[in-house]
Amino acid sequence: MIKRIVLLSGGICSGKSTLAAALRDKYRFHLIKTHELIGRALDSPPANRQAYQSAGDKLDSSTDGQWIQLQLMRLQSELPDDCSLVVDAVRIQKQIDHIRDAFGARVFHIHLT
C-alpha cells in the first residue's frame, strides 16, 4: 500500500522537479513523472514535449482528469509496500480531486510559484 502521495504543480521553472528530486534523494520517495504515465496510458510515448502536452490534454478530456489516478492504481502493485510517492506534476484540479478520492488523506498537494 502507498503510504503517502505528494502531488506537485506549478509553472515552468517553479522548482517542481528540484523538489521532487530532493524528496527522492533525501526521503526515498519514488518519483513518478506524469510524462511517463502518459506513455503508459498510451502504450507508446509521444515524440516531443508538444505531443506530450497534447496527449495529456486529450487524456484529461477523455477521462475527466482521472487518468493519473488510474495509472497510479495500476502502478501500485509494482511498488514496494509502505512506499511514498512524489508526482511531478499535476496540472488541473480534477486530477488532484480524483487522486484524493482514490487515496484519501494520504494525498498532499504542493503548488509551487
PDB file of N, CA and C in Angstrom:
ATOM      1  N   MET A   1       0.837  -1.179   0.000  1.00  0.00           N
ATOM      2  CA  MET A   1       0.000   0.000   0.000  1.00  0.00           C
ATOM      3  C   MET A   1       0.886   1.248   0.000  1.00  0.00           C
ATOM      4  N   ILE A   2       0.443   2.247  -0.727  1.00  0.00           N
ATOM      5  CA  ILE A   2       1.175   3.507  -0.774  1.00  0.00           C
ATOM      6  C   ILE A   2       0.925   4.268   0.522  1.00  0.00           C
ATOM      7  N   LYS A   3       2.008   4.685   1.154  1.00  0.00           N
ATOM      8  CA  LYS A   3       1.939   5.376   2.439  1.00  0.00           C
ATOM      9  C   LYS A   3       1.467   6.818   2.288  1.00  0.00           C
ATOM     10  N   ARG A   4       2.045   7.536   1.330  1.00  0.00           N
ATOM     11  CA  ARG A   4       1.656   8.923   1.069  1.00  0.00           C
ATOM     12  C   ARG A   4       1.988   9.265  -0.374  1.00  0.00           C
ATOM     13  N   ILE A   5       1.250  10.248  -0.882  1.00  0.00           N
ATOM     14  CA  ILE A   5       1.470  10.738  -2.245  1.00  0.00           C
ATOM     15  C   ILE A   5       1.565  12.259  -2.183  1.00  0.00           C
ATOM     16  N   VAL A   6       2.663  12.801  -2.664  1.00  0.00           N
ATOM     17  CA  VAL A   6       2.831  14.248  -2.767  1.00  0.00           C
ATOM     18  C   VAL A   6       2.661  14.611  -4.234  1.00  0.00           C
ATOM     19  N   LEU A   7       1.685  15.463  -4.511  1.00  0.00           N
ATOM     20  CA  LEU A   7       1.411  15.939  -5.868  1.00  0.00           C
ATOM     21  C   LEU A   7       2.007  17.333  -6.015  1.00  0.00           C
ATOM     22  N   LEU A   8       2.805  17.532  -7.037  1.00  0.00           N
ATOM     23  CA  LEU A   8       3.407  18.838  -7.290  1.00  0.00           C
ATOM     24  C   LEU A   8       2.753  19.486  -8.496  1.00  0.00           C
ATOM     25  N   SER A   9       2.514  20.778  -8.382  1.00  0.00           N
ATOM     26  CA  SER A   9       2.025  21.557  -9.518  1.00  0.00           C
ATOM     27  C   SER A   9       2.715  22.911  -9.493  1.00  0.00           C
ATOM     28  N   GLY A  10       2.637  23.617 -10.606  1.00  0.00           N
ATOM     29  CA  GLY A  10       3.243  24.938 -10.702  1.00  0.00           C
ATOM     30  C   GLY A  10       3.717  25.200 -12.118  1.00  0.00           C
ATOM     31  N   GLY A  11       4.084  26.422 -12.347  1.00  0.00           N
ATOM     32  CA  GLY A  11       4.529  26.832 -13.672  1.00  0.00           C
ATOM     33  C   GLY A  11       5.898  26.271 -14.027  1.00  0.00           C
ATOM     34  N   ILE A  12       6.279  26.508 -15.266  1.00  0.00           N
ATOM     35  CA  ILE A  12       7.596  26.105 -15.749  1.00  0.00           C
ATOM     36  C   ILE A  12       8.655  26.811 -14.914  1.00  0.00           C
ATOM     37  N   CYS A  13       9.684  26.085 -14.504  1.00  0.00           N
ATOM     38  CA  CYS A  13      10.810  26.604 -13.720  1.00  0.00           C
ATOM     39  C   CYS A  13      10.407  27.075 -12.320  1.00  0.00           C
ATOM     40  N   SER A  14       9.347  26.513 -11.769  1.00  0.00           N
ATOM     41  CA  SER A  14       8.927  26.903 -10.418  1.00  0.00           C
ATOM     42  C   SER A  14       9.616  26.071  -9.338  1.00  0.00           C
ATOM     43  N   GLY A  15      10.298  25.002  -9.724  1.00  0.00           N
ATOM     44  CA  GLY A  15      11.024  24.177  -8.768  1.00  0.00           C
ATOM     45  C   GLY A  15      10.422  22.808  -8.520  1.00  0.00           C
ATOM     46  N   LYS A  16       9.447  22.416  -9.335  1.00  0.00           N
ATOM     47  CA  LYS A  16       8.781  21.119  -9.141  1.00  0.00           C
ATOM     48  C   LYS A  16       9.777  19.965  -9.222  1.00  0.00           C
ATOM     49  N   SER A  17      10.551  19.924 -10.255  1.00  0.00           N
ATOM     50  CA  SER A  17      11.490  18.809 -10.442  1.00  0.00           C
ATOM     51  C   SER A  17      12.594  18.831  -9.398  1.00  0.00           C
ATOM     52  N   THR A  18      13.014  20.008  -8.980  1.00  0.00           N
ATOM     53  CA  THR A  18      14.025  20.120  -7.928  1.00  0.00           C
ATOM     54  C   THR A  18      13.493  19.572  -6.613  1.00  0.00           C
ATOM     55  N   LEU A  19      12.270  19.946  -6.251  1.00  0.00           N
ATOM     56  CA  LEU A  19      11.653  19.435  -5.024  1.00  0.00           C
ATOM     57  C   LEU A  19      11.432  17.930  -5.119  1.00  0.00           C
ATOM     58  N   ALA A  20      10.956  17.465  -6.267  1.00  0.00           N
ATOM     59  CA  ALA A  20      10.722  16.025  -6.451  1.00  0.00           C
ATOM     60  C   ALA A  20      12.023  15.245  -6.272  1.00  0.00           C
ATOM     61  N   ALA A  21      13.107  15.732  -6.852  1.00  0.00           N
ATOM     62  CA  ALA A  21      14.401  15.055  -6.734  1.00  0.00           C
ATOM     63  C   ALA A  21      14.891  15.071  -5.282  1.00  0.00           C
ATOM     64  N   ALA A  22      14.667  16.170  -4.576  1.00  0.00           N
ATOM     65  CA  ALA A  22      15.076  16.250  -3.169  1.00  0.00           C
ATOM     66  C   ALA A  22      14.298  15.245  -2.316  1.00  0.00           C
ATOM     67  N   LEU A  23      12.988  15.121  -2.557  1.00  0.00           N
ATOM     68  CA  LEU A  23      12.188  14.142  -1.820  1.00  0.00           C
ATOM     69  C   LEU A  23      12.657  12.716  -2.127  1.00  0.00           C
ATOM     70  N   ARG A  24      12.999  12.480  -3.393  1.00  0.00           N
ATOM     71  CA  ARG A  24      13.526  11.168  -3.780  1.00  0.00           C
ATOM     72  C   ARG A  24      14.863  10.889  -3.092  1.00  0.00           C
ATOM     73  N   ASP A  25      15.762  11.847  -3.169  1.00  0.00           N
ATOM     74  CA  ASP A  25      17.123  11.626  -2.671  1.00  0.00           C
ATOM     75  C   ASP A  25      17.213  11.618  -1.150  1.00  0.00           C
ATOM     76  N   LYS A  26      16.517  12.527  -0.496  1.00  0.00           N
ATOM     77  CA  LYS A  26      16.651  12.650   0.961  1.00  0.00           C
ATOM     78  C   LYS A  26      15.715  11.715   1.731  1.00  0.00           C
ATOM     79  N   TYR A  27      14.491  11.517   1.195  1.00  0.00           N
ATOM     80  CA  TYR A  27      13.488  10.755   1.945  1.00  0.00           C
ATOM     81  C   TYR A  27      13.047   9.466   1.250  1.00  0.00           C
ATOM     82  N   ARG A  28      13.724   9.126   0.148  1.00  0.00           N
ATOM     83  CA  ARG A  28      13.479   7.882  -0.588  1.00  0.00           C
ATOM     84  C   ARG A  28      12.063   7.768  -1.161  1.00  0.00           C
ATOM     85  N   PHE A  29      11.488   8.894  -1.553  1.00  0.00           N
ATOM     86  CA  PHE A  29      10.225   8.858  -2.275  1.00  0.00           C
ATOM     87  C   PHE A  29      10.462   8.232  -3.639  1.00  0.00           C
ATOM     88  N   HIS A  30       9.471   7.545  -4.143  1.00  0.00           N
ATOM     89  CA  HIS A  30       9.518   7.068  -5.523  1.00  0.00           C
ATOM     90  C   HIS A  30       9.021   8.213  -6.397  1.00  0.00           C
ATOM     91  N   LEU A  31       9.820   8.593  -7.368  1.00  0.00           N
ATOM     92  CA  LEU A  31       9.492   9.710  -8.250  1.00  0.00           C
ATOM     93  C   LEU A  31       8.697   9.194  -9.445  1.00  0.00           C
ATOM     94  N   ILE A  32       7.510   9.749  -9.616  1.00  0.00           N
ATOM     95  CA  ILE A  32       6.647   9.416 -10.737  1.00  0.00           C
ATOM     96  C   ILE A  32       6.479  10.679 -11.574  1.00  0.00           C
ATOM     97  N   LYS A  33       6.879  10.604 -12.824  1.00  0.00           N
ATOM     98  CA  LYS A  33       6.726  11.753 -13.723  1.00  0.00           C
ATOM     99  C   LYS A  33       5.495  11.525 -14.595  1.00  0.00           C
ATOM    100  N   THR A  34       4.673  12.548 -14.699  1.00  0.00           N
ATOM    101  CA  THR A  34       3.431  12.362 -15.450  1.00  0.00           C
ATOM    102  C   THR A  34       3.691  12.069 -16.925  1.00  0.00           C
ATOM    103  N   HIS A  35       4.813  12.540 -17.468  1.00  0.00           N
ATOM    104  CA  HIS A  35       5.069  12.194 -18.871  1.00  0.00           C
ATOM    105  C   HIS A  35       5.296  10.688 -19.025  1.00  0.00           C
ATOM    106  N   GLU A  36       5.833  10.036 -17.982  1.00  0.00           N
ATOM    107  CA  GLU A  36       5.971   8.578 -18.035  1.00  0.00           C
ATOM    108  C   GLU A  36       4.598   7.908 -17.945  1.00  0.00           C
ATOM    109  N   LEU A  37       3.702   8.482 -17.150  1.00  0.00           N
ATOM    110  CA  LEU A  37       2.343   7.939 -17.044  1.00  0.00           C
ATOM    111  C   LEU A  37       1.579   8.102 -18.349  1.00  0.00           C
ATOM    112  N   ILE A  38       1.836   9.187 -19.069  1.00  0.00           N
ATOM    113  CA  ILE A  38       1.212   9.381 -20.384  1.00  0.00           C
ATOM    114  C   ILE A  38       1.654   8.249 -21.312  1.00  0.00           C
ATOM    115  N   GLY A  39       2.955   7.950 -21.318  1.00  0.00           N
ATOM    116  CA  GLY A  39       3.464   6.859 -22.141  1.00  0.00           C
ATOM    117  C   GLY A  39       2.819   5.529 -21.789  1.00  0.00           C
ATOM    118  N   ARG A  40       2.630   5.276 -20.486  1.00  0.00           N
ATOM    119  CA  ARG A  40       1.979   4.032 -20.047  1.00  0.00           C
ATOM    120  C   ARG A  40       0.507   4.012 -20.462  1.00  0.00           C
ATOM    121  N   ALA A  41      -0.157   5.143 -20.336  1.00  0.00           N
ATOM    122  CA  ALA A  41      -1.584   5.212 -20.683  1.00  0.00           C
ATOM    123  C   ALA A  41      -1.810   5.012 -22.174  1.00  0.00           C
ATOM    124  N   LEU A  42      -0.851   5.445 -22.982  1.00  0.00           N
ATOM    125  CA  LEU A  42      -0.990   5.364 -24.437  1.00  0.00           C
ATOM    126  C   LEU A  42      -0.280   4.160 -25.040  1.00  0.00           C
ATOM    127  N   ASP A  43       0.442   3.413 -24.254  1.00  0.00           N
ATOM    128  CA  ASP A  43       1.236   2.268 -24.696  1.00  0.00           C
ATOM    129  C   ASP A  43       2.416   2.646 -25.575  1.00  0.00           C
ATOM    130  N   SER A  44       2.628   3.926 -25.800  1.00  0.00           N
ATOM    131  CA  SER A  44       3.829   4.383 -26.502  1.00  0.00           C
ATOM    132  C   SER A  44       4.009   5.865 -26.202  1.00  0.00           C
ATOM    133  N   PRO A  45       5.244   6.288 -25.966  1.00  0.00           N
ATOM    134  CA  PRO A  45       5.474   7.694 -25.619  1.00  0.00           C
ATOM    135  C   PRO A  45       5.340   8.618 -26.819  1.00  0.00           C
ATOM    136  N   PRO A  46       4.786   9.810 -26.603  1.00  0.00           N
ATOM    137  CA  PRO A  46       4.745  10.806 -27.678  1.00  0.00           C
ATOM    138  C   PRO A  46       6.159  11.223 -28.095  1.00  0.00           C
ATOM    139  N   ALA A  47       6.252  11.855 -29.246  1.00  0.00           N
ATOM    140  CA  ALA A  47       7.556  12.139 -29.847  1.00  0.00           C
ATOM    141  C   ALA A  47       8.282  13.332 -29.227  1.00  0.00           C
ATOM    142  N   ASN A  48       7.551  14.333 -28.718  1.00  0.00           N
ATOM    143  CA  ASN A  48       8.210  15.534 -28.207  1.00  0.00           C
ATOM    144  C   ASN A  48       7.342  16.209 -27.146  1.00  0.00           C
ATOM    145  N   ARG A  49       7.856  17.302 -26.574  1.00  0.00           N
ATOM    146  CA  ARG A  49       7.156  17.990 -25.482  1.00  0.00           C
ATOM    147  C   ARG A  49       5.752  18.434 -25.879  1.00  0.00           C
ATOM    148  N   GLN A  50       5.613  18.999 -27.057  1.00  0.00           N
ATOM    149  CA  GLN A  50       4.302  19.455 -27.526  1.00  0.00           C
ATOM    150  C   GLN A  50       3.340  18.275 -27.674  1.00  0.00           C
ATOM    151  N   ALA A  51       3.836  17.148 -28.157  1.00  0.00           N
ATOM    152  CA  ALA A  51       2.993  15.961 -28.301  1.00  0.00           C
ATOM    153  C   ALA A  51       2.572  15.417 -26.927  1.00  0.00           C
ATOM    154  N   TYR A  52       3.476  15.492 -25.942  1.00  0.00           N
ATOM    155  CA  TYR A  52       3.123  15.089 -24.569  1.00  0.00           C
ATOM    156  C   TYR A  52       2.009  15.979 -24.025  1.00  0.00           C
ATOM    157  N   GLN A  53       2.149  17.287 -24.245  1.00  0.00           N
ATOM    158  CA  GLN A  53       1.144  18.251 -23.774  1.00  0.00           C
ATOM    159  C   GLN A  53      -0.206  17.941 -24.400  1.00  0.00           C
ATOM    160  N   SER A  54      -0.212  17.710 -25.688  1.00  0.00           N
ATOM    161  CA  SER A  54      -1.449  17.395 -26.402  1.00  0.00           C
ATOM    162  C   SER A  54      -2.045  16.074 -25.918  1.00  0.00           C
ATOM    163  N   ALA A  55      -1.195  15.066 -25.719  1.00  0.00           N
ATOM    164  CA  ALA A  55      -1.670  13.767 -25.242  1.00  0.00           C
ATOM    165  C   ALA A  55      -2.262  13.896 -23.837  1.00  0.00           C
ATOM    166  N   GLY A  56      -1.620  14.682 -22.971  1.00  0.00           N
ATOM    167  CA  GLY A  56      -2.148  14.919 -21.631  1.00  0.00           C
ATOM    168  C   GLY A  56      -3.495  15.615 -21.669  1.00  0.00           C
ATOM    169  N   ASP A  57      -3.630  16.602 -22.548  1.00  0.00           N
ATOM    170  CA  ASP A  57      -4.912  17.299 -22.706  1.00  0.00           C
ATOM    171  C   ASP A  57      -6.010  16.339 -23.164  1.00  0.00           C
ATOM    172  N   LYS A  58      -5.679  15.474 -24.110  1.00  0.00           N
ATOM    173  CA  LYS A  58      -6.660  14.501 -24.603  1.00  0.00           C
ATOM    174  C   LYS A  58      -7.052  13.508 -23.511  1.00  0.00           C
ATOM    175  N   LEU A  59      -6.064  13.046 -22.728  1.00  0.00           N
ATOM    176  CA  LEU A  59      -6.366  12.136 -21.623  1.00  0.00           C
ATOM    177  C   LEU A  59      -7.245  12.829 -20.573  1.00  0.00           C
ATOM    178  N   ASP A  60      -6.946  14.091 -20.282  1.00  0.00           N
ATOM    179  CA  ASP A  60      -7.786  14.843 -19.339  1.00  0.00           C
ATOM    180  C   ASP A  60      -9.217  14.929 -19.847  1.00  0.00           C
ATOM    181  N   SER A  61      -9.354  15.225 -21.119  1.00  0.00           N
ATOM    182  CA  SER A  61     -10.686  15.364 -21.720  1.00  0.00           C
ATOM    183  C   SER A  61     -11.440  14.043 -21.744  1.00  0.00           C
ATOM    184  N   SER A  62     -10.777  12.968 -22.124  1.00  0.00           N
ATOM    185  CA  SER A  62     -11.469  11.688 -22.275  1.00  0.00           C
ATOM    186  C   SER A  62     -11.744  10.983 -20.946  1.00  0.00           C
ATOM    187  N   THR A  63     -10.993  11.345 -19.879  1.00  0.00           N
ATOM    188  CA  THR A  63     -11.184  10.685 -18.583  1.00  0.00           C
ATOM    189  C   THR A  63     -11.664  11.640 -17.497  1.00  0.00           C
ATOM    190  N   ASP A  64     -11.980  12.866 -17.864  1.00  0.00           N
ATOM    191  CA  ASP A  64     -12.371  13.891 -16.895  1.00  0.00           C
ATOM    192  C   ASP A  64     -11.264  14.099 -15.852  1.00  0.00           C
ATOM    193  N   GLY A  65     -10.007  13.976 -16.289  1.00  0.00           N
ATOM    194  CA  GLY A  65      -8.870  14.193 -15.409  1.00  0.00           C
ATOM    195  C   GLY A  65      -8.493  13.007 -14.540  1.00  0.00           C
ATOM    196  N   GLN A  66      -9.104  11.862 -14.768  1.00  0.00           N
ATOM    197  CA  GLN A  66      -8.890  10.693 -13.908  1.00  0.00           C
ATOM    198  C   GLN A  66      -7.685   9.846 -14.306  1.00  0.00           C
ATOM    199  N   TRP A  67      -7.082  10.085 -15.448  1.00  0.00           N
ATOM    200  CA  TRP A  67      -6.069   9.181 -15.974  1.00  0.00           C
ATOM    201  C   TRP A  67      -4.860   9.016 -15.051  1.00  0.00           C
ATOM    202  N   ILE A  68      -4.431  10.058 -14.348  1.00  0.00           N
ATOM    203  CA  ILE A  68      -3.282   9.909 -13.446  1.00  0.00           C
ATOM    204  C   ILE A  68      -3.645   8.975 -12.299  1.00  0.00           C
ATOM    205  N   GLN A  69      -4.812   9.167 -11.728  1.00  0.00           N
ATOM    206  CA  GLN A  69      -5.268   8.293 -10.645  1.00  0.00           C
ATOM    207  C   GLN A  69      -5.337   6.840 -11.115  1.00  0.00           C
ATOM    208  N   LEU A  70      -5.848   6.612 -12.309  1.00  0.00           N
ATOM    209  CA  LEU A  70      -5.929   5.248 -12.836  1.00  0.00           C
ATOM    210  C   LEU A  70      -4.548   4.638 -13.013  1.00  0.00           C
ATOM    211  N   GLN A  71      -3.605   5.425 -13.512  1.00  0.00           N
ATOM    212  CA  GLN A  71      -2.243   4.923 -13.694  1.00  0.00           C
ATOM    213  C   GLN A  71      -1.567   4.658 -12.345  1.00  0.00           C
ATOM    214  N   LEU A  72      -1.818   5.503 -11.346  1.00  0.00           N
ATOM    215  CA  LEU A  72      -1.251   5.268 -10.016  1.00  0.00           C
ATOM    216  C   LEU A  72      -1.818   3.995  -9.397  1.00  0.00           C
ATOM    217  N   MET A  73      -3.094   3.730  -9.621  1.00  0.00           N
ATOM    218  CA  MET A  73      -3.700   2.499  -9.103  1.00  0.00           C
ATOM    219  C   MET A  73      -3.034   1.280  -9.747  1.00  0.00           C
ATOM    220  N   ARG A  74      -2.766   1.336 -11.050  1.00  0.00           N
ATOM    221  CA  ARG A  74      -2.098   0.227 -11.735  1.00  0.00           C
ATOM    222  C   ARG A  74      -0.656   0.068 -11.269  1.00  0.00           C
ATOM    223  N   LEU A  75       0.007   1.172 -11.066  1.00  0.00           N
ATOM    224  CA  LEU A  75       1.405   1.172 -10.667  1.00  0.00           C
ATOM    225  C   LEU A  75       1.598   0.656  -9.232  1.00  0.00           C
ATOM    226  N   GLN A  76       0.578   0.796  -8.427  1.00  0.00           N
ATOM    227  CA  GLN A  76       0.640   0.437  -7.010  1.00  0.00           C
ATOM    228  C   GLN A  76       1.166  -0.989  -6.785  1.00  0.00           C
ATOM    229  N   SER A  77       0.777  -1.924  -7.623  1.00  0.00           N
ATOM    230  CA  SER A  77       1.195  -3.317  -7.445  1.00  0.00           C
ATOM    231  C   SER A  77       2.681  -3.525  -7.753  1.00  0.00           C
ATOM    232  N   GLU A  78       3.298  -2.590  -8.470  1.00  0.00           N
ATOM    233  CA  GLU A  78       4.713  -2.705  -8.824  1.00  0.00           C
ATOM    234  C   GLU A  78       5.638  -2.074  -7.785  1.00  0.00           C
ATOM    235  N   LEU A  79       5.054  -1.371  -6.821  1.00  0.00           N
ATOM    236  CA  LEU A  79       5.843  -0.621  -5.844  1.00  0.00           C
ATOM    237  C   LEU A  79       6.017  -1.401  -4.551  1.00  0.00           C
ATOM    238  N   PRO A  80       7.087  -1.116  -3.809  1.00  0.00           N
ATOM    239  CA  PRO A  80       7.270  -1.764  -2.504  1.00  0.00           C
ATOM    240  C   PRO A  80       6.151  -1.360  -1.539  1.00  0.00           C
ATOM    241  N   ASP A  81       5.869  -2.235  -0.588  1.00  0.00           N
ATOM    242  CA  ASP A  81       4.875  -1.921   0.436  1.00  0.00           C
ATOM    243  C   ASP A  81       5.307  -0.704   1.233  1.00  0.00           C
ATOM    244  N   ASP A  82       4.336   0.090   1.628  1.00  0.00           N
ATOM    245  CA  ASP A  82       4.546   1.225   2.518  1.00  0.00           C
ATOM    246  C   ASP A  82       5.496   2.271   1.939  1.00  0.00           C
ATOM    247  N   CYS A  83       5.454   2.473   0.618  1.00  0.00           N
ATOM    248  CA  CYS A  83       6.322   3.467  -0.005  1.00  0.00           C
ATOM    249  C   CYS A  83       5.610   4.815  -0.095  1.00  0.00           C
ATOM    250  N   SER A  84       6.391   5.848  -0.335  1.00  0.00           N
ATOM    251  CA  SER A  84       5.864   7.190  -0.553  1.00  0.00           C
ATOM    252  C   SER A  84       6.172   7.599  -1.989  1.00  0.00           C
ATOM    253  N   LEU A  85       5.231   8.313  -2.605  1.00  0.00           N
ATOM    254  CA  LEU A  85       5.381   8.765  -3.987  1.00  0.00           C
ATOM    255  C   LEU A  85       5.391  10.281  -4.059  1.00  0.00           C
ATOM    256  N   VAL A  86       6.134  10.798  -5.013  1.00  0.00           N
ATOM    257  CA  VAL A  86       6.016  12.201  -5.390  1.00  0.00           C
ATOM    258  C   VAL A  86       5.701  12.209  -6.881  1.00  0.00           C
ATOM    259  N   VAL A  87       4.648  12.936  -7.257  1.00  0.00           N
ATOM    260  CA  VAL A  87       4.203  13.001  -8.652  1.00  0.00           C
ATOM    261  C   VAL A  87       4.568  14.368  -9.209  1.00  0.00           C
ATOM    262  N   ASP A  88       5.399  14.361 -10.237  1.00  0.00           N
ATOM    263  CA  ASP A  88       5.867  15.571 -10.906  1.00  0.00           C
ATOM    264  C   ASP A  88       5.320  15.542 -12.330  1.00  0.00           C
ATOM    265  N   ALA A  89       4.239  16.111 -12.595  1.00  0.00           N
ATOM    266  CA  ALA A  89       3.456  17.134 -11.929  1.00  0.00           C
ATOM    267  C   ALA A  89       2.003  16.963 -12.358  1.00  0.00           C
ATOM    268  N   VAL A  90       1.100  17.469 -11.542  1.00  0.00           N
ATOM    269  CA  VAL A  90      -0.311  17.507 -11.910  1.00  0.00           C
ATOM    270  C   VAL A  90      -0.616  18.898 -12.465  1.00  0.00           C
ATOM    271  N   ARG A  91      -1.666  18.974 -13.305  1.00  0.00           N
ATOM    272  CA  ARG A  91      -1.916  20.257 -13.978  1.00  0.00           C
ATOM    273  C   ARG A  91      -3.285  20.859 -13.697  1.00  0.00           C
ATOM    274  N   ILE A  92      -4.274  20.003 -13.394  1.00  0.00           N
ATOM    275  CA  ILE A  92      -5.621  20.543 -13.213  1.00  0.00           C
ATOM    276  C   ILE A  92      -6.229  20.006 -11.916  1.00  0.00           C
ATOM    277  N   GLN A  93      -7.180  20.752 -11.387  1.00  0.00           N
ATOM    278  CA  GLN A  93      -7.808  20.389 -10.120  1.00  0.00           C
ATOM    279  C   GLN A  93      -8.492  19.021 -10.175  1.00  0.00           C
ATOM    280  N   LYS A  94      -9.090  18.682 -11.296  1.00  0.00           N
ATOM    281  CA  LYS A  94      -9.770  17.383 -11.397  1.00  0.00           C
ATOM    282  C   LYS A  94      -8.797  16.223 -11.216  1.00  0.00           C
ATOM    283  N   GLN A  95      -7.566  16.362 -11.688  1.00  0.00           N
ATOM    284  CA  GLN A  95      -6.561  15.317 -11.462  1.00  0.00           C
ATOM    285  C   GLN A  95      -6.344  15.130  -9.958  1.00  0.00           C
ATOM    286  N   ILE A  96      -6.177  16.223  -9.252  1.00  0.00           N
ATOM    287  CA  ILE A  96      -5.963  16.185  -7.801  1.00  0.00           C
ATOM    288  C   ILE A  96      -7.171  15.576  -7.106  1.00  0.00           C
ATOM    289  N   ASP A  97      -8.360  16.004  -7.503  1.00  0.00           N
ATOM    290  CA  ASP A  97      -9.589  15.505  -6.879  1.00  0.00           C
ATOM    291  C   ASP A  97      -9.733  13.995  -7.034  1.00  0.00           C
ATOM    292  N   HIS A  98      -9.459  13.476  -8.223  1.00  0.00           N
ATOM    293  CA  HIS A  98      -9.569  12.026  -8.454  1.00  0.00           C
ATOM    294  C   HIS A  98      -8.547  11.246  -7.626  1.00  0.00           C
ATOM    295  N   ILE A  99      -7.337  11.772  -7.528  1.00  0.00           N
ATOM    296  CA  ILE A  99      -6.309  11.091  -6.732  1.00  0.00           C
ATOM    297  C   ILE A  99      -6.698  11.113  -5.258  1.00  0.00           C
ATOM    298  N   ARG A 100      -7.215  12.245  -4.785  1.00  0.00           N
ATOM    299  CA  ARG A 100      -7.674  12.327  -3.388  1.00  0.00           C
ATOM    300  C   ARG A 100      -8.840  11.379  -3.139  1.00  0.00           C
ATOM    301  N   ASP A 101      -9.748  11.272  -4.099  1.00  0.00           N
ATOM    302  CA  ASP A 101     -10.882  10.348  -3.943  1.00  0.00           C
ATOM    303  C   ASP A 101     -10.399   8.905  -3.783  1.00  0.00           C
ATOM    304  N   ALA A 102      -9.356   8.547  -4.525  1.00  0.00           N
ATOM    305  CA  ALA A 102      -8.858   7.170  -4.501  1.00  0.00           C
ATOM    306  C   ALA A 102      -7.964   6.877  -3.302  1.00  0.00           C
ATOM    307  N   PHE A 103      -7.157   7.851  -2.882  1.00  0.00           N
ATOM    308  CA  PHE A 103      -6.145   7.594  -1.860  1.00  0.00           C
ATOM    309  C   PHE A 103      -6.392   8.335  -0.543  1.00  0.00           C
ATOM    310  N   GLY A 104      -7.379   9.191  -0.491  1.00  0.00           N
ATOM    311  CA  GLY A 104      -7.782   9.839   0.751  1.00  0.00           C
ATOM    312  C   GLY A 104      -6.743  10.744   1.376  1.00  0.00           C
ATOM    313  N   ALA A 105      -6.656  10.644   2.699  1.00  0.00           N
ATOM    314  CA  ALA A 105      -5.821  11.545   3.492  1.00  0.00           C
ATOM    315  C   ALA A 105      -4.332  11.334   3.272  1.00  0.00           C
ATOM    316  N   ARG A 106      -3.964  10.354   2.482  1.00  0.00           N
ATOM    317  CA  ARG A 106      -2.541  10.111   2.184  1.00  0.00           C
ATOM    318  C   ARG A 106      -2.017  11.058   1.108  1.00  0.00           C
ATOM    319  N   VAL A 107      -2.883  11.899   0.536  1.00  0.00           N
ATOM    320  CA  VAL A 107      -2.513  12.763  -0.580  1.00  0.00           C
ATOM    321  C   VAL A 107      -2.256  14.192  -0.089  1.00  0.00           C
ATOM    322  N   PHE A 108      -1.114  14.725  -0.514  1.00  0.00           N
ATOM    323  CA  PHE A 108      -0.733  16.105  -0.192  1.00  0.00           C
ATOM    324  C   PHE A 108      -0.424  16.814  -1.508  1.00  0.00           C
ATOM    325  N   HIS A 109      -0.974  18.007  -1.688  1.00  0.00           N
ATOM    326  CA  HIS A 109      -0.745  18.773  -2.908  1.00  0.00           C
ATOM    327  C   HIS A 109       0.084  19.999  -2.568  1.00  0.00           C
ATOM    328  N   ILE A 110       1.159  20.199  -3.315  1.00  0.00           N
ATOM    329  CA  ILE A 110       2.006  21.386  -3.150  1.00  0.00           C
ATOM    330  C   ILE A 110       2.050  22.101  -4.486  1.00  0.00           C
ATOM    331  N   HIS A 111       1.627  23.374  -4.478  1.00  0.00           N
ATOM    332  CA  HIS A 111       1.689  24.208  -5.687  1.00  0.00           C
ATOM    333  C   HIS A 111       2.855  25.176  -5.511  1.00  0.00           C
ATOM    334  N   LEU A 112       3.795  25.125  -6.436  1.00  0.00           N
ATOM    335  CA  LEU A 112       4.980  25.992  -6.369  1.00  0.00           C
ATOM    336  C   LEU A 112       4.822  27.180  -7.295  1.00  0.00           C
ATOM    337  N   THR A 113       5.330  28.324  -6.849  1.00  0.00           N
ATOM    338  CA  THR A 113       5.275  29.533  -7.680  1.00  0.00           C
ATOM    339  C   THR A 113       6.673  30.111  -7.817  1.00  0.00           C
TER     340      THR A 113
END
